[in-house]
Amino acid sequence: MKRLILTSILLIFCMMVFPNIGHSLGFEGFGGKIGLVMPDGGDNTIGFGAVGFLGYILPSLTALKAETSLEYWGNSSDFPGGSTNLSVVSANGTAKYFFTSSGISPFAGAGIGLVFSRASIKYKEQIFGLKDYSDSETDIDLNLVGGVDIPIGIGMKFTAEGKIAIGDADWFQITGGILVMLK
């Protein structure tokens, strides 16, 4: 409850201090991405996601743009007598600063993610009293991103991005994707 109250106070304070934030936000484009996910303490795997572009955060600073994304990756492995499975879905909000506005555009940014994870262990045979186990968890993580957008046609971009997710489940990912810009 304290966390909710403090977050609400911080949000109200930011809205009073920065009243122009969000006036130019709107749906500007969408895309998809796929890449290599390297979780901390696990095997590398493939992940994929969808991206939505929301436009400028501040009208006076057009290089700072908002993005939302939904990403999925999973990992499973077998061991003598059973198997393990891990699935992760993250809903992210990211602010990206683009260093150039035309042509090849490198960017850096940060954001937060709401991470839903599920882990399970299944045994082929119930020996020594071991039972199947599963657990779900919801966490908030910090995302640090960097990459480049490259125009590939009218209203389309190729993007390459590296991302570090810092939270209960840390991972690094390298993704590439196609973006369709509507504005």
N, C-alpha and C. Protein backbone atom coordinates (compact mmCIF):
# COMPACT_ATOMS: atom_id res chain seq x y z
N MET A 1 0.82 -1.19 0.00
CA MET A 1 0.00 0.00 0.00
C MET A 1 0.87 1.26 0.00
N LYS A 2 1.97 1.21 0.78
CA LYS A 2 2.87 2.37 0.82
C LYS A 2 3.46 2.64 -0.56
N ARG A 3 3.81 1.57 -1.27
CA ARG A 3 4.39 1.72 -2.60
C ARG A 3 3.40 2.40 -3.55
N LEU A 4 2.13 2.03 -3.48
CA LEU A 4 1.10 2.63 -4.33
C LEU A 4 0.92 4.11 -4.01
N ILE A 5 0.91 4.45 -2.74
CA ILE A 5 0.76 5.86 -2.33
C ILE A 5 1.96 6.68 -2.79
N LEU A 6 3.17 6.16 -2.59
CA LEU A 6 4.37 6.89 -3.01
C LEU A 6 4.43 7.05 -4.53
N THR A 7 4.04 6.02 -5.26
CA THR A 7 4.01 6.11 -6.72
C THR A 7 2.99 7.15 -7.17
N SER A 8 1.83 7.18 -6.54
CA SER A 8 0.80 8.17 -6.89
C SER A 8 1.27 9.59 -6.61
N ILE A 9 1.92 9.79 -5.47
CA ILE A 9 2.44 11.12 -5.13
C ILE A 9 3.50 11.55 -6.14
N LEU A 10 4.40 10.64 -6.51
CA LEU A 10 5.44 10.96 -7.50
C LEU A 10 4.82 11.29 -8.85
N LEU A 11 3.81 10.55 -9.27
CA LEU A 11 3.14 10.81 -10.54
C LEU A 11 2.45 12.18 -10.54
N ILE A 12 1.76 12.51 -9.47
CA ILE A 12 1.09 13.82 -9.37
C ILE A 12 2.12 14.94 -9.36
N PHE A 13 3.24 14.75 -8.65
CA PHE A 13 4.30 15.75 -8.61
C PHE A 13 4.87 15.99 -10.01
N CYS A 14 5.14 14.90 -10.74
CA CYS A 14 5.69 15.04 -12.10
C CYS A 14 4.71 15.73 -13.03
N MET A 15 3.41 15.47 -12.87
CA MET A 15 2.41 16.12 -13.71
C MET A 15 2.33 17.62 -13.43
N MET A 16 2.58 18.02 -12.18
CA MET A 16 2.55 19.45 -11.85
C MET A 16 3.81 20.15 -12.34
N VAL A 17 4.96 19.50 -12.19
CA VAL A 17 6.23 20.12 -12.57
C VAL A 17 6.41 20.13 -14.08
N PHE A 18 5.98 19.07 -14.76
CA PHE A 18 6.13 18.95 -16.21
C PHE A 18 4.75 18.82 -16.87
N PRO A 19 4.00 19.92 -16.98
CA PRO A 19 2.62 19.82 -17.48
C PRO A 19 2.52 19.47 -18.96
N ASN A 20 3.58 19.65 -19.75
CA ASN A 20 3.51 19.37 -21.19
C ASN A 20 3.79 17.92 -21.55
N ILE A 21 4.17 17.12 -20.56
CA ILE A 21 4.48 15.72 -20.85
C ILE A 21 3.21 15.02 -21.33
N GLY A 22 3.33 14.33 -22.43
CA GLY A 22 2.24 13.50 -22.91
C GLY A 22 1.28 14.16 -23.87
N HIS A 23 1.38 15.47 -24.10
CA HIS A 23 0.43 16.14 -24.99
C HIS A 23 0.59 15.70 -26.45
N SER A 24 1.79 15.25 -26.82
CA SER A 24 1.99 14.85 -28.21
C SER A 24 2.07 13.34 -28.37
N LEU A 25 1.69 12.59 -27.32
CA LEU A 25 1.69 11.14 -27.43
C LEU A 25 0.50 10.67 -28.26
N GLY A 26 0.71 9.65 -29.05
CA GLY A 26 -0.33 9.06 -29.87
C GLY A 26 0.25 7.88 -30.62
N PHE A 27 -0.59 7.02 -31.11
CA PHE A 27 -0.12 5.82 -31.81
C PHE A 27 0.50 6.21 -33.14
N GLU A 28 1.81 5.97 -33.30
CA GLU A 28 2.53 6.37 -34.51
C GLU A 28 3.00 5.20 -35.36
N GLY A 29 3.04 4.01 -34.80
CA GLY A 29 3.52 2.88 -35.58
C GLY A 29 3.55 1.60 -34.77
N PHE A 30 3.87 0.51 -35.46
CA PHE A 30 3.90 -0.80 -34.82
C PHE A 30 4.94 -1.66 -35.52
N GLY A 31 5.26 -2.78 -34.90
CA GLY A 31 6.24 -3.67 -35.50
C GLY A 31 6.38 -4.96 -34.73
N GLY A 32 7.25 -5.80 -35.22
CA GLY A 32 7.56 -7.06 -34.57
C GLY A 32 9.06 -7.26 -34.51
N LYS A 33 9.50 -8.07 -33.56
CA LYS A 33 10.93 -8.32 -33.43
C LYS A 33 11.16 -9.75 -32.96
N ILE A 34 12.36 -10.24 -33.26
CA ILE A 34 12.77 -11.58 -32.85
C ILE A 34 14.25 -11.49 -32.51
N GLY A 35 14.70 -12.32 -31.56
CA GLY A 35 16.10 -12.23 -31.21
C GLY A 35 16.56 -13.30 -30.25
N LEU A 36 17.79 -13.16 -29.83
CA LEU A 36 18.46 -14.08 -28.92
C LEU A 36 18.35 -13.53 -27.50
N VAL A 37 17.86 -14.36 -26.58
CA VAL A 37 17.73 -13.98 -25.17
C VAL A 37 18.73 -14.81 -24.38
N MET A 38 19.52 -14.12 -23.53
CA MET A 38 20.53 -14.78 -22.72
C MET A 38 20.21 -14.54 -21.25
N PRO A 39 19.41 -15.45 -20.63
CA PRO A 39 19.05 -15.26 -19.23
C PRO A 39 20.22 -15.56 -18.30
N ASP A 40 20.22 -14.90 -17.16
CA ASP A 40 21.25 -15.12 -16.15
C ASP A 40 21.02 -16.50 -15.53
N GLY A 41 21.97 -17.38 -15.66
CA GLY A 41 21.87 -18.70 -15.05
C GLY A 41 21.08 -19.71 -15.86
N GLY A 42 20.81 -19.44 -17.12
CA GLY A 42 20.05 -20.37 -17.95
C GLY A 42 20.63 -20.47 -19.34
N ASP A 43 20.08 -21.39 -20.12
CA ASP A 43 20.51 -21.55 -21.50
C ASP A 43 19.94 -20.44 -22.38
N ASN A 44 20.69 -20.06 -23.40
CA ASN A 44 20.22 -19.06 -24.36
C ASN A 44 19.01 -19.60 -25.11
N THR A 45 18.12 -18.70 -25.52
CA THR A 45 16.89 -19.10 -26.20
C THR A 45 16.46 -18.01 -27.18
N ILE A 46 15.43 -18.28 -27.93
CA ILE A 46 14.87 -17.32 -28.89
C ILE A 46 13.65 -16.65 -28.26
N GLY A 47 13.53 -15.35 -28.46
CA GLY A 47 12.37 -14.61 -27.99
C GLY A 47 11.77 -13.80 -29.12
N PHE A 48 10.54 -13.37 -28.94
CA PHE A 48 9.89 -12.53 -29.94
C PHE A 48 8.96 -11.56 -29.25
N GLY A 49 8.54 -10.53 -29.99
CA GLY A 49 7.68 -9.53 -29.39
C GLY A 49 7.01 -8.62 -30.39
N ALA A 50 6.11 -7.80 -29.88
CA ALA A 50 5.40 -6.79 -30.66
C ALA A 50 5.70 -5.43 -30.05
N VAL A 51 5.78 -4.40 -30.91
CA VAL A 51 6.17 -3.06 -30.49
C VAL A 51 5.13 -2.06 -30.95
N GLY A 52 4.84 -1.07 -30.12
CA GLY A 52 3.99 0.05 -30.50
C GLY A 52 4.70 1.36 -30.21
N PHE A 53 4.68 2.30 -31.16
CA PHE A 53 5.35 3.59 -30.99
C PHE A 53 4.31 4.64 -30.64
N LEU A 54 4.61 5.42 -29.60
CA LEU A 54 3.63 6.36 -29.07
C LEU A 54 3.98 7.82 -29.31
N GLY A 55 5.09 8.11 -29.95
CA GLY A 55 5.41 9.49 -30.29
C GLY A 55 6.29 10.20 -29.28
N TYR A 56 6.26 11.54 -29.36
CA TYR A 56 7.13 12.39 -28.55
C TYR A 56 6.60 12.49 -27.12
N ILE A 57 7.52 12.42 -26.16
CA ILE A 57 7.14 12.60 -24.76
C ILE A 57 7.00 14.08 -24.46
N LEU A 58 7.94 14.89 -24.93
CA LEU A 58 7.89 16.34 -24.76
C LEU A 58 7.87 17.00 -26.13
N PRO A 59 6.92 17.90 -26.41
CA PRO A 59 6.87 18.54 -27.72
C PRO A 59 8.14 19.33 -28.04
N SER A 60 8.81 19.87 -27.02
CA SER A 60 10.01 20.68 -27.25
C SER A 60 11.26 19.82 -27.45
N LEU A 61 11.18 18.53 -27.14
CA LEU A 61 12.32 17.63 -27.27
C LEU A 61 11.89 16.46 -28.15
N THR A 62 11.98 16.66 -29.47
CA THR A 62 11.45 15.66 -30.41
C THR A 62 12.33 14.42 -30.54
N ALA A 63 13.51 14.43 -29.94
CA ALA A 63 14.38 13.25 -30.01
C ALA A 63 14.01 12.21 -28.95
N LEU A 64 13.17 12.56 -27.98
CA LEU A 64 12.78 11.65 -26.90
C LEU A 64 11.40 11.08 -27.21
N LYS A 65 11.35 9.77 -27.48
CA LYS A 65 10.10 9.13 -27.91
C LYS A 65 9.73 7.99 -26.98
N ALA A 66 8.43 7.72 -26.90
CA ALA A 66 7.91 6.64 -26.05
C ALA A 66 7.61 5.41 -26.90
N GLU A 67 7.83 4.26 -26.31
CA GLU A 67 7.56 2.99 -26.98
C GLU A 67 6.98 2.01 -25.96
N THR A 68 6.08 1.18 -26.40
CA THR A 68 5.56 0.11 -25.57
C THR A 68 5.80 -1.21 -26.29
N SER A 69 6.03 -2.27 -25.53
CA SER A 69 6.27 -3.56 -26.17
C SER A 69 5.76 -4.70 -25.29
N LEU A 70 5.47 -5.80 -25.94
CA LEU A 70 5.07 -7.03 -25.28
C LEU A 70 6.00 -8.11 -25.81
N GLU A 71 6.73 -8.77 -24.91
CA GLU A 71 7.75 -9.74 -25.32
C GLU A 71 7.54 -11.08 -24.64
N TYR A 72 7.94 -12.15 -25.32
CA TYR A 72 7.85 -13.50 -24.77
C TYR A 72 9.15 -14.25 -25.05
N TRP A 73 9.58 -15.01 -24.07
CA TRP A 73 10.64 -15.99 -24.29
C TRP A 73 10.45 -17.13 -23.30
N GLY A 74 10.89 -18.29 -23.69
CA GLY A 74 10.76 -19.46 -22.85
C GLY A 74 11.97 -20.35 -22.99
N ASN A 75 12.14 -21.22 -22.02
CA ASN A 75 13.29 -22.10 -22.00
C ASN A 75 12.88 -23.41 -21.33
N SER A 76 13.27 -24.51 -21.90
CA SER A 76 13.00 -25.80 -21.27
C SER A 76 14.23 -26.68 -21.41
N SER A 77 14.38 -27.58 -20.47
CA SER A 77 15.50 -28.52 -20.54
C SER A 77 15.09 -29.83 -19.88
N ASP A 78 15.72 -30.89 -20.33
CA ASP A 78 15.47 -32.22 -19.79
C ASP A 78 16.64 -32.62 -18.91
N PHE A 79 16.33 -33.39 -17.89
CA PHE A 79 17.35 -33.98 -17.05
C PHE A 79 16.94 -35.43 -16.79
N PRO A 80 17.85 -36.28 -16.34
CA PRO A 80 17.47 -37.67 -16.10
C PRO A 80 16.31 -37.73 -15.09
N GLY A 81 15.18 -38.21 -15.54
CA GLY A 81 14.03 -38.34 -14.65
C GLY A 81 12.99 -37.25 -14.78
N GLY A 82 13.22 -36.23 -15.62
CA GLY A 82 12.21 -35.18 -15.73
C GLY A 82 12.61 -34.04 -16.64
N SER A 83 11.89 -32.92 -16.48
CA SER A 83 12.16 -31.74 -17.31
C SER A 83 11.79 -30.47 -16.56
N THR A 84 12.39 -29.36 -16.98
CA THR A 84 12.07 -28.04 -16.42
C THR A 84 11.57 -27.15 -17.55
N ASN A 85 10.75 -26.16 -17.17
CA ASN A 85 10.21 -25.23 -18.15
C ASN A 85 10.11 -23.85 -17.51
N LEU A 86 10.52 -22.82 -18.23
CA LEU A 86 10.41 -21.44 -17.78
C LEU A 86 9.81 -20.62 -18.91
N SER A 87 8.76 -19.85 -18.62
CA SER A 87 8.13 -18.95 -19.59
C SER A 87 8.10 -17.55 -19.00
N VAL A 88 8.45 -16.55 -19.81
CA VAL A 88 8.48 -15.16 -19.36
C VAL A 88 7.75 -14.29 -20.37
N VAL A 89 6.81 -13.48 -19.89
CA VAL A 89 6.12 -12.48 -20.69
C VAL A 89 6.36 -11.14 -20.01
N SER A 90 6.80 -10.14 -20.77
CA SER A 90 7.02 -8.82 -20.18
C SER A 90 6.31 -7.75 -20.99
N ALA A 91 5.62 -6.87 -20.27
CA ALA A 91 4.98 -5.70 -20.86
C ALA A 91 5.83 -4.50 -20.46
N ASN A 92 6.37 -3.79 -21.45
CA ASN A 92 7.38 -2.77 -21.20
C ASN A 92 6.95 -1.39 -21.68
N GLY A 93 7.38 -0.38 -20.96
CA GLY A 93 7.28 1.00 -21.40
C GLY A 93 8.67 1.60 -21.40
N THR A 94 9.09 2.16 -22.53
CA THR A 94 10.47 2.63 -22.69
C THR A 94 10.50 4.02 -23.28
N ALA A 95 11.39 4.85 -22.76
CA ALA A 95 11.68 6.16 -23.35
C ALA A 95 13.02 6.04 -24.08
N LYS A 96 13.03 6.40 -25.37
CA LYS A 96 14.24 6.30 -26.19
C LYS A 96 14.65 7.68 -26.67
N TYR A 97 15.95 7.96 -26.55
CA TYR A 97 16.51 9.20 -27.07
C TYR A 97 17.22 8.88 -28.38
N PHE A 98 16.75 9.47 -29.49
CA PHE A 98 17.35 9.26 -30.80
C PHE A 98 18.37 10.36 -31.07
N PHE A 99 19.61 9.97 -31.40
CA PHE A 99 20.70 10.93 -31.58
C PHE A 99 20.63 11.66 -32.91
N THR A 100 19.99 11.08 -33.92
CA THR A 100 19.75 11.77 -35.19
C THR A 100 18.30 11.52 -35.59
N SER A 101 17.73 12.43 -36.37
CA SER A 101 16.31 12.29 -36.71
C SER A 101 16.07 11.78 -38.13
N SER A 102 17.10 11.72 -38.96
CA SER A 102 16.90 11.22 -40.32
C SER A 102 18.00 10.23 -40.66
N GLY A 103 17.71 9.33 -41.57
CA GLY A 103 18.69 8.32 -41.95
C GLY A 103 18.87 7.30 -40.84
N ILE A 104 20.09 6.82 -40.70
CA ILE A 104 20.40 5.86 -39.65
C ILE A 104 20.37 6.57 -38.30
N SER A 105 19.54 6.08 -37.38
CA SER A 105 19.31 6.77 -36.10
C SER A 105 19.69 5.88 -34.92
N PRO A 106 20.88 6.10 -34.32
CA PRO A 106 21.21 5.37 -33.10
C PRO A 106 20.38 5.92 -31.93
N PHE A 107 20.11 5.05 -30.96
CA PHE A 107 19.31 5.48 -29.80
C PHE A 107 19.80 4.80 -28.53
N ALA A 108 19.43 5.40 -27.41
CA ALA A 108 19.66 4.83 -26.08
C ALA A 108 18.42 5.15 -25.26
N GLY A 109 18.11 4.30 -24.31
CA GLY A 109 16.92 4.56 -23.53
C GLY A 109 16.83 3.70 -22.29
N ALA A 110 15.75 3.92 -21.56
CA ALA A 110 15.48 3.18 -20.33
C ALA A 110 13.98 3.10 -20.13
N GLY A 111 13.57 2.14 -19.35
CA GLY A 111 12.15 1.99 -19.07
C GLY A 111 11.91 0.96 -17.99
N ILE A 112 10.64 0.67 -17.77
CA ILE A 112 10.27 -0.34 -16.79
C ILE A 112 9.43 -1.41 -17.48
N GLY A 113 9.44 -2.57 -16.89
CA GLY A 113 8.67 -3.68 -17.43
C GLY A 113 7.92 -4.41 -16.34
N LEU A 114 6.74 -4.87 -16.66
CA LEU A 114 5.96 -5.73 -15.79
C LEU A 114 6.17 -7.15 -16.31
N VAL A 115 6.82 -7.99 -15.50
CA VAL A 115 7.28 -9.30 -15.94
C VAL A 115 6.45 -10.40 -15.26
N PHE A 116 5.85 -11.24 -16.09
CA PHE A 116 5.09 -12.40 -15.62
C PHE A 116 5.90 -13.64 -15.96
N SER A 117 6.30 -14.41 -14.95
CA SER A 117 7.10 -15.60 -15.22
C SER A 117 6.45 -16.83 -14.58
N ARG A 118 6.68 -17.97 -15.22
CA ARG A 118 6.15 -19.23 -14.72
C ARG A 118 7.22 -20.30 -14.90
N ALA A 119 7.51 -21.01 -13.83
CA ALA A 119 8.50 -22.08 -13.85
C ALA A 119 7.85 -23.38 -13.39
N SER A 120 8.28 -24.49 -13.98
CA SER A 120 7.73 -25.79 -13.56
C SER A 120 8.80 -26.87 -13.69
N ILE A 121 8.65 -27.88 -12.84
CA ILE A 121 9.48 -29.08 -12.89
C ILE A 121 8.53 -30.27 -12.95
N LYS A 122 8.74 -31.14 -13.91
CA LYS A 122 7.91 -32.34 -14.05
C LYS A 122 8.82 -33.56 -14.01
N TYR A 123 8.42 -34.53 -13.20
CA TYR A 123 9.17 -35.77 -13.08
C TYR A 123 8.49 -36.87 -13.88
N LYS A 124 9.28 -37.70 -14.54
CA LYS A 124 8.73 -38.82 -15.31
C LYS A 124 8.16 -39.88 -14.38
N GLU A 125 8.84 -40.10 -13.28
CA GLU A 125 8.39 -41.07 -12.28
C GLU A 125 8.47 -40.42 -10.92
N GLN A 126 7.50 -40.71 -10.09
CA GLN A 126 7.48 -40.15 -8.73
C GLN A 126 8.33 -41.05 -7.82
N ILE A 127 9.60 -40.69 -7.66
CA ILE A 127 10.48 -41.46 -6.79
C ILE A 127 10.94 -40.58 -5.64
N PHE A 128 11.26 -41.19 -4.53
CA PHE A 128 11.74 -40.50 -3.34
C PHE A 128 10.77 -39.42 -2.86
N GLY A 129 9.51 -39.55 -3.18
CA GLY A 129 8.51 -38.59 -2.73
C GLY A 129 8.54 -37.26 -3.46
N LEU A 130 9.28 -37.17 -4.56
CA LEU A 130 9.33 -35.92 -5.32
C LEU A 130 8.04 -35.73 -6.11
N LYS A 131 7.50 -34.52 -6.07
CA LYS A 131 6.26 -34.22 -6.79
C LYS A 131 6.52 -33.13 -7.82
N ASP A 132 5.67 -33.10 -8.84
CA ASP A 132 5.75 -32.01 -9.83
C ASP A 132 5.56 -30.68 -9.11
N TYR A 133 6.22 -29.65 -9.64
CA TYR A 133 6.19 -28.34 -8.98
C TYR A 133 6.04 -27.26 -10.04
N SER A 134 5.24 -26.25 -9.73
CA SER A 134 5.17 -25.07 -10.61
C SER A 134 4.93 -23.83 -9.76
N ASP A 135 5.39 -22.70 -10.26
CA ASP A 135 5.26 -21.44 -9.53
C ASP A 135 5.17 -20.30 -10.54
N SER A 136 4.37 -19.31 -10.21
CA SER A 136 4.23 -18.11 -11.04
C SER A 136 4.64 -16.90 -10.22
N GLU A 137 5.14 -15.89 -10.90
CA GLU A 137 5.60 -14.70 -10.21
C GLU A 137 5.40 -13.48 -11.10
N THR A 138 5.12 -12.35 -10.49
CA THR A 138 4.99 -11.08 -11.20
C THR A 138 5.97 -10.10 -10.57
N ASP A 139 6.79 -9.47 -11.39
CA ASP A 139 7.82 -8.55 -10.91
C ASP A 139 7.86 -7.30 -11.79
N ILE A 140 8.55 -6.31 -11.29
CA ILE A 140 8.84 -5.10 -12.06
C ILE A 140 10.35 -5.06 -12.27
N ASP A 141 10.78 -4.78 -13.50
CA ASP A 141 12.20 -4.69 -13.77
C ASP A 141 12.55 -3.38 -14.45
N LEU A 142 13.84 -3.08 -14.46
CA LEU A 142 14.39 -1.90 -15.12
C LEU A 142 15.02 -2.36 -16.42
N ASN A 143 14.71 -1.68 -17.52
CA ASN A 143 15.26 -2.02 -18.83
C ASN A 143 16.18 -0.91 -19.32
N LEU A 144 17.37 -1.28 -19.75
CA LEU A 144 18.30 -0.35 -20.39
C LEU A 144 18.48 -0.82 -21.83
N VAL A 145 18.28 0.08 -22.80
CA VAL A 145 18.32 -0.31 -24.21
C VAL A 145 19.27 0.59 -25.00
N GLY A 146 19.73 0.06 -26.10
CA GLY A 146 20.54 0.81 -27.05
C GLY A 146 20.46 0.11 -28.39
N GLY A 147 20.54 0.88 -29.45
CA GLY A 147 20.46 0.26 -30.76
C GLY A 147 20.44 1.27 -31.88
N VAL A 148 19.91 0.85 -33.03
CA VAL A 148 19.89 1.70 -34.21
C VAL A 148 18.64 1.38 -35.03
N ASP A 149 18.03 2.44 -35.58
CA ASP A 149 16.93 2.31 -36.55
C ASP A 149 17.48 2.67 -37.93
N ILE A 150 17.18 1.83 -38.93
CA ILE A 150 17.67 2.04 -40.29
C ILE A 150 16.48 2.06 -41.24
N PRO A 151 16.26 3.17 -41.97
CA PRO A 151 15.13 3.19 -42.92
C PRO A 151 15.34 2.18 -44.04
N ILE A 152 14.26 1.45 -44.39
CA ILE A 152 14.34 0.46 -45.48
C ILE A 152 13.29 0.71 -46.55
N GLY A 153 12.57 1.77 -46.43
CA GLY A 153 11.53 2.10 -47.41
C GLY A 153 10.65 3.20 -46.84
N ILE A 154 9.67 3.61 -47.62
CA ILE A 154 8.78 4.66 -47.16
C ILE A 154 7.95 4.14 -45.99
N GLY A 155 8.11 4.76 -44.85
CA GLY A 155 7.34 4.38 -43.67
C GLY A 155 7.76 3.08 -43.01
N MET A 156 8.93 2.54 -43.35
CA MET A 156 9.40 1.29 -42.74
C MET A 156 10.83 1.44 -42.26
N LYS A 157 11.13 0.76 -41.15
CA LYS A 157 12.47 0.79 -40.58
C LYS A 157 12.85 -0.62 -40.15
N PHE A 158 14.15 -0.89 -40.22
CA PHE A 158 14.72 -2.07 -39.58
C PHE A 158 15.33 -1.58 -38.28
N THR A 159 15.11 -2.30 -37.20
CA THR A 159 15.70 -1.91 -35.93
C THR A 159 16.53 -3.05 -35.37
N ALA A 160 17.66 -2.71 -34.79
CA ALA A 160 18.50 -3.66 -34.07
C ALA A 160 18.68 -3.08 -32.67
N GLU A 161 18.47 -3.92 -31.66
CA GLU A 161 18.45 -3.40 -30.29
C GLU A 161 19.08 -4.40 -29.34
N GLY A 162 19.83 -3.87 -28.39
CA GLY A 162 20.32 -4.64 -27.26
C GLY A 162 19.61 -4.17 -26.01
N LYS A 163 19.24 -5.09 -25.14
CA LYS A 163 18.49 -4.72 -23.94
C LYS A 163 18.98 -5.52 -22.75
N ILE A 164 19.18 -4.83 -21.64
CA ILE A 164 19.50 -5.47 -20.37
C ILE A 164 18.28 -5.28 -19.47
N ALA A 165 17.73 -6.38 -18.96
CA ALA A 165 16.62 -6.33 -18.03
C ALA A 165 17.16 -6.65 -16.64
N ILE A 166 16.95 -5.73 -15.70
CA ILE A 166 17.47 -5.89 -14.35
C ILE A 166 16.29 -6.00 -13.40
N GLY A 167 16.19 -7.13 -12.73
CA GLY A 167 15.10 -7.38 -11.79
C GLY A 167 15.34 -8.71 -11.11
N ASP A 168 14.27 -9.38 -10.69
CA ASP A 168 14.43 -10.70 -10.09
C ASP A 168 14.98 -11.70 -11.10
N ALA A 169 14.56 -11.60 -12.35
CA ALA A 169 15.08 -12.46 -13.42
C ALA A 169 15.83 -11.56 -14.40
N ASP A 170 17.16 -11.53 -14.29
CA ASP A 170 17.98 -10.69 -15.17
C ASP A 170 18.22 -11.41 -16.49
N TRP A 171 18.25 -10.63 -17.60
CA TRP A 171 18.62 -11.19 -18.89
C TRP A 171 19.11 -10.09 -19.82
N PHE A 172 19.84 -10.53 -20.84
CA PHE A 172 20.31 -9.66 -21.91
C PHE A 172 19.75 -10.21 -23.20
N GLN A 173 19.29 -9.33 -24.08
CA GLN A 173 18.77 -9.81 -25.35
C GLN A 173 19.22 -8.91 -26.49
N ILE A 174 19.40 -9.53 -27.65
CA ILE A 174 19.72 -8.82 -28.89
C ILE A 174 18.60 -9.15 -29.86
N THR A 175 17.90 -8.12 -30.35
CA THR A 175 16.76 -8.35 -31.23
C THR A 175 16.89 -7.54 -32.51
N GLY A 176 16.19 -8.00 -33.51
CA GLY A 176 16.05 -7.29 -34.77
C GLY A 176 14.60 -7.36 -35.21
N GLY A 177 14.14 -6.32 -35.89
CA GLY A 177 12.75 -6.34 -36.30
C GLY A 177 12.43 -5.31 -37.36
N ILE A 178 11.20 -5.39 -37.85
CA ILE A 178 10.69 -4.46 -38.86
C ILE A 178 9.63 -3.59 -38.19
N LEU A 179 9.71 -2.29 -38.44
CA LEU A 179 8.79 -1.32 -37.87
C LEU A 179 8.04 -0.62 -38.99
N VAL A 180 6.74 -0.48 -38.84
CA VAL A 180 5.90 0.24 -39.80
C VAL A 180 5.44 1.53 -39.13
N MET A 181 5.85 2.66 -39.70
CA MET A 181 5.50 3.96 -39.13
C MET A 181 4.25 4.50 -39.83
N LEU A 182 3.27 4.92 -39.05
CA LEU A 182 2.02 5.43 -39.61
C LEU A 182 2.03 6.94 -39.78
N LYS A 183 2.93 7.62 -39.09
CA LYS A 183 3.04 9.08 -39.19
C LYS A 183 4.41 9.46 -39.68
